């Protein structure tokens, strides 16, 4: 397997750091006994953040790895994408 060096790598890592920070905030809110409605709103924000990160990773993958796989007739990469999408959408 080759290294994946995508143009949005820095953006993805920054978004992950923010999403992890928000997840930690949810944990603190629960520990502090915050209102359930507030906690649910924060959880929704964390889910949305991770979904957006997933979309960005998928776009990078399609624009780089999949284009390269098609050019090289690499069916294995396409099969792995299919498997990853199945797991991601579950």
N, C-alpha and C. Protein backbone atom coordinates (compact mmCIF):
# COMPACT_ATOMS: atom_id res chain seq x y z
N UNK A 1 0.85 -1.18 0.00
CA UNK A 1 0.00 0.00 0.00
C UNK A 1 0.89 1.24 0.00
N UNK A 2 0.57 2.20 -0.84
CA UNK A 2 1.38 3.41 -0.94
C UNK A 2 0.84 4.51 -0.03
N UNK A 3 1.71 5.48 0.26
CA UNK A 3 1.32 6.59 1.12
C UNK A 3 0.26 7.44 0.45
N UNK A 4 -0.66 7.93 1.24
CA UNK A 4 -1.71 8.80 0.72
C UNK A 4 -1.37 10.24 1.09
N UNK A 5 -1.02 11.01 0.10
CA UNK A 5 -0.67 12.41 0.33
C UNK A 5 -1.65 13.27 -0.48
N UNK A 6 -2.72 13.66 0.17
CA UNK A 6 -3.78 14.40 -0.50
C UNK A 6 -3.69 15.90 -0.21
N UNK A 7 -4.17 16.72 -1.13
CA UNK A 7 -4.08 18.17 -0.96
C UNK A 7 -4.85 18.69 0.26
N UNK A 8 -5.89 18.01 0.68
CA UNK A 8 -6.70 18.48 1.81
C UNK A 8 -6.28 17.87 3.15
N UNK A 9 -5.12 17.24 3.19
CA UNK A 9 -4.65 16.57 4.40
C UNK A 9 -4.64 17.51 5.61
N UNK A 10 -4.07 18.70 5.45
CA UNK A 10 -3.98 19.65 6.56
C UNK A 10 -5.37 20.09 7.01
N UNK A 11 -6.26 20.36 6.05
CA UNK A 11 -7.62 20.77 6.37
C UNK A 11 -8.36 19.66 7.13
N UNK A 12 -8.16 18.42 6.70
CA UNK A 12 -8.82 17.28 7.35
C UNK A 12 -8.30 17.13 8.78
N UNK A 13 -7.01 17.23 8.96
CA UNK A 13 -6.42 17.10 10.30
C UNK A 13 -6.93 18.22 11.21
N UNK A 14 -7.00 19.45 10.70
CA UNK A 14 -7.52 20.56 11.50
C UNK A 14 -8.98 20.34 11.89
N UNK A 15 -9.78 19.87 10.94
CA UNK A 15 -11.19 19.59 11.24
C UNK A 15 -11.32 18.47 12.26
N UNK A 16 -10.46 17.46 12.15
CA UNK A 16 -10.49 16.36 13.13
C UNK A 16 -10.17 16.90 14.53
N UNK A 17 -9.19 17.76 14.63
CA UNK A 17 -8.83 18.32 15.94
C UNK A 17 -10.00 19.09 16.55
N UNK A 18 -10.69 19.87 15.72
CA UNK A 18 -11.85 20.62 16.23
C UNK A 18 -12.98 19.67 16.63
N UNK A 19 -13.23 18.66 15.82
CA UNK A 19 -14.30 17.70 16.12
C UNK A 19 -14.00 16.94 17.41
N UNK A 20 -12.75 16.58 17.60
CA UNK A 20 -12.36 15.89 18.84
C UNK A 20 -12.56 16.82 20.03
N UNK A 21 -12.22 18.08 19.87
CA UNK A 21 -12.45 19.06 20.93
C UNK A 21 -13.92 19.17 21.28
N UNK A 22 -14.78 19.17 20.26
CA UNK A 22 -16.22 19.23 20.51
C UNK A 22 -16.71 17.96 21.20
N UNK A 23 -16.17 16.82 20.82
CA UNK A 23 -16.56 15.56 21.47
C UNK A 23 -16.15 15.57 22.94
N UNK A 24 -14.98 16.10 23.21
CA UNK A 24 -14.53 16.23 24.61
C UNK A 24 -15.46 17.17 25.38
N UNK A 25 -15.94 18.22 24.71
CA UNK A 25 -16.87 19.15 25.36
C UNK A 25 -18.17 18.44 25.71
N UNK A 26 -18.63 17.55 24.85
CA UNK A 26 -19.84 16.78 25.15
C UNK A 26 -19.61 15.92 26.39
N UNK A 27 -18.46 15.30 26.46
CA UNK A 27 -18.10 14.47 27.62
C UNK A 27 -18.13 15.31 28.91
N UNK A 28 -17.55 16.51 28.83
CA UNK A 28 -17.55 17.40 30.00
C UNK A 28 -18.98 17.80 30.38
N UNK A 29 -19.79 18.11 29.36
CA UNK A 29 -21.18 18.51 29.62
C UNK A 29 -21.92 17.40 30.35
N UNK A 30 -21.70 16.17 29.93
CA UNK A 30 -22.35 15.04 30.59
C UNK A 30 -21.86 14.90 32.03
N UNK A 31 -20.54 15.02 32.22
CA UNK A 31 -19.96 14.90 33.56
C UNK A 31 -20.47 16.00 34.49
N UNK A 32 -20.74 17.17 33.92
CA UNK A 32 -21.21 18.32 34.70
C UNK A 32 -22.72 18.32 34.87
N UNK A 33 -23.41 17.37 34.27
CA UNK A 33 -24.86 17.28 34.41
C UNK A 33 -25.62 18.35 33.65
N UNK A 34 -25.09 18.76 32.51
CA UNK A 34 -25.78 19.78 31.69
C UNK A 34 -27.11 19.24 31.17
N UNK A 35 -27.96 20.16 30.76
CA UNK A 35 -29.27 19.84 30.23
C UNK A 35 -29.16 18.89 29.04
N UNK A 36 -30.01 17.87 29.00
CA UNK A 36 -29.98 16.87 27.92
C UNK A 36 -30.15 17.50 26.54
N UNK A 37 -31.01 18.51 26.45
CA UNK A 37 -31.23 19.16 25.15
C UNK A 37 -29.94 19.81 24.64
N UNK A 38 -29.21 20.45 25.53
CA UNK A 38 -27.93 21.07 25.15
C UNK A 38 -26.93 20.01 24.70
N UNK A 39 -26.90 18.89 25.43
CA UNK A 39 -25.99 17.80 25.08
C UNK A 39 -26.33 17.24 23.71
N UNK A 40 -27.61 17.03 23.45
CA UNK A 40 -28.03 16.49 22.16
C UNK A 40 -27.67 17.43 21.01
N UNK A 41 -27.80 18.71 21.22
CA UNK A 41 -27.43 19.68 20.19
C UNK A 41 -25.93 19.59 19.90
N UNK A 42 -25.13 19.46 20.94
CA UNK A 42 -23.68 19.33 20.76
C UNK A 42 -23.33 18.02 20.06
N UNK A 43 -24.02 16.95 20.41
CA UNK A 43 -23.79 15.66 19.76
C UNK A 43 -24.11 15.77 18.27
N UNK A 44 -25.19 16.45 17.94
CA UNK A 44 -25.55 16.66 16.54
C UNK A 44 -24.45 17.42 15.81
N UNK A 45 -23.87 18.40 16.47
CA UNK A 45 -22.79 19.17 15.86
C UNK A 45 -21.56 18.29 15.62
N UNK A 46 -21.26 17.40 16.56
CA UNK A 46 -20.12 16.50 16.42
C UNK A 46 -20.37 15.53 15.26
N UNK A 47 -21.57 14.98 15.19
CA UNK A 47 -21.91 14.06 14.09
C UNK A 47 -21.76 14.77 12.75
N UNK A 48 -22.26 15.98 12.67
CA UNK A 48 -22.17 16.75 11.43
C UNK A 48 -20.71 17.01 11.06
N UNK A 49 -19.90 17.34 12.05
CA UNK A 49 -18.48 17.60 11.79
C UNK A 49 -17.80 16.36 11.22
N UNK A 50 -18.07 15.20 11.82
CA UNK A 50 -17.45 13.97 11.32
C UNK A 50 -17.98 13.58 9.95
N UNK A 51 -19.27 13.82 9.70
CA UNK A 51 -19.81 13.55 8.37
C UNK A 51 -19.13 14.42 7.31
N UNK A 52 -18.90 15.68 7.64
CA UNK A 52 -18.23 16.59 6.70
C UNK A 52 -16.77 16.19 6.48
N UNK A 53 -16.12 15.70 7.52
CA UNK A 53 -14.75 15.20 7.38
C UNK A 53 -14.76 13.99 6.45
N UNK A 54 -15.73 13.10 6.65
CA UNK A 54 -15.84 11.92 5.79
C UNK A 54 -16.05 12.29 4.34
N UNK A 55 -16.88 13.30 4.08
CA UNK A 55 -17.11 13.74 2.70
C UNK A 55 -15.82 14.27 2.08
N UNK A 56 -15.06 15.02 2.86
CA UNK A 56 -13.81 15.58 2.35
C UNK A 56 -12.80 14.47 2.03
N UNK A 57 -12.71 13.47 2.91
CA UNK A 57 -11.81 12.34 2.66
C UNK A 57 -12.26 11.59 1.41
N UNK A 58 -13.56 11.38 1.27
CA UNK A 58 -14.09 10.67 0.10
C UNK A 58 -13.80 11.44 -1.19
N UNK A 59 -14.01 12.75 -1.17
CA UNK A 59 -13.72 13.56 -2.35
C UNK A 59 -12.25 13.46 -2.74
N UNK A 60 -11.36 13.57 -1.75
CA UNK A 60 -9.93 13.43 -2.03
C UNK A 60 -9.63 12.07 -2.61
N UNK A 61 -10.25 11.05 -2.03
CA UNK A 61 -9.99 9.68 -2.48
C UNK A 61 -10.43 9.51 -3.93
N UNK A 62 -11.58 10.02 -4.26
CA UNK A 62 -12.09 9.89 -5.63
C UNK A 62 -11.20 10.66 -6.60
N UNK A 63 -10.85 11.90 -6.24
CA UNK A 63 -10.06 12.75 -7.15
C UNK A 63 -8.64 12.25 -7.36
N UNK A 64 -8.11 11.50 -6.41
CA UNK A 64 -6.72 11.08 -6.52
C UNK A 64 -6.58 9.57 -6.68
N UNK A 65 -6.96 8.82 -5.68
CA UNK A 65 -6.75 7.37 -5.71
C UNK A 65 -7.60 6.69 -6.77
N UNK A 66 -8.86 7.07 -6.87
CA UNK A 66 -9.75 6.39 -7.81
C UNK A 66 -9.39 6.75 -9.25
N UNK A 67 -9.10 8.01 -9.50
CA UNK A 67 -8.68 8.41 -10.85
C UNK A 67 -7.44 7.62 -11.25
N UNK A 68 -6.48 7.53 -10.34
CA UNK A 68 -5.25 6.77 -10.61
C UNK A 68 -5.56 5.28 -10.82
N UNK A 69 -6.46 4.73 -10.01
CA UNK A 69 -6.82 3.32 -10.14
C UNK A 69 -7.47 3.03 -11.49
N UNK A 70 -8.35 3.92 -11.93
CA UNK A 70 -9.00 3.74 -13.23
C UNK A 70 -7.97 3.82 -14.35
N UNK A 71 -7.07 4.79 -14.24
CA UNK A 71 -6.02 4.92 -15.26
C UNK A 71 -5.14 3.68 -15.34
N UNK A 72 -4.93 3.03 -14.18
CA UNK A 72 -4.06 1.84 -14.11
C UNK A 72 -4.85 0.54 -14.15
N UNK A 73 -6.17 0.66 -14.35
CA UNK A 73 -7.03 -0.53 -14.38
C UNK A 73 -6.87 -1.37 -13.11
N UNK A 74 -6.85 -0.71 -11.96
CA UNK A 74 -6.66 -1.37 -10.66
C UNK A 74 -8.01 -1.63 -10.01
N UNK A 75 -8.55 -2.80 -10.24
CA UNK A 75 -9.87 -3.16 -9.72
C UNK A 75 -9.87 -3.26 -8.19
N UNK A 76 -8.76 -3.63 -7.60
CA UNK A 76 -8.68 -3.79 -6.14
C UNK A 76 -9.02 -2.48 -5.41
N UNK A 77 -8.51 -1.37 -5.89
CA UNK A 77 -8.78 -0.07 -5.27
C UNK A 77 -10.27 0.26 -5.39
N UNK A 78 -10.85 -0.05 -6.52
CA UNK A 78 -12.29 0.20 -6.72
C UNK A 78 -13.12 -0.68 -5.79
N UNK A 79 -12.72 -1.93 -5.60
CA UNK A 79 -13.42 -2.84 -4.70
C UNK A 79 -13.32 -2.34 -3.25
N UNK A 80 -12.14 -1.84 -2.88
CA UNK A 80 -11.96 -1.29 -1.53
C UNK A 80 -12.83 -0.06 -1.30
N UNK A 81 -12.98 0.78 -2.33
CA UNK A 81 -13.85 1.94 -2.22
C UNK A 81 -15.29 1.49 -1.99
N UNK A 82 -15.73 0.51 -2.75
CA UNK A 82 -17.08 -0.02 -2.60
C UNK A 82 -17.31 -0.52 -1.17
N UNK A 83 -16.36 -1.25 -0.64
CA UNK A 83 -16.45 -1.78 0.73
C UNK A 83 -16.47 -0.63 1.75
N UNK A 84 -15.62 0.36 1.55
CA UNK A 84 -15.56 1.49 2.47
C UNK A 84 -16.86 2.27 2.47
N UNK A 85 -17.44 2.49 1.30
CA UNK A 85 -18.73 3.21 1.21
C UNK A 85 -19.83 2.43 1.93
N UNK A 86 -19.85 1.13 1.76
CA UNK A 86 -20.85 0.29 2.44
C UNK A 86 -20.73 0.47 3.96
N UNK A 87 -19.53 0.46 4.49
CA UNK A 87 -19.33 0.60 5.93
C UNK A 87 -19.62 2.03 6.39
N UNK A 88 -19.26 3.01 5.59
CA UNK A 88 -19.45 4.41 5.95
C UNK A 88 -20.93 4.78 6.02
N UNK A 89 -21.72 4.23 5.11
CA UNK A 89 -23.14 4.61 5.03
C UNK A 89 -23.99 3.85 6.04
N UNK A 90 -23.52 2.75 6.58
CA UNK A 90 -24.30 1.95 7.55
C UNK A 90 -24.90 2.77 8.64
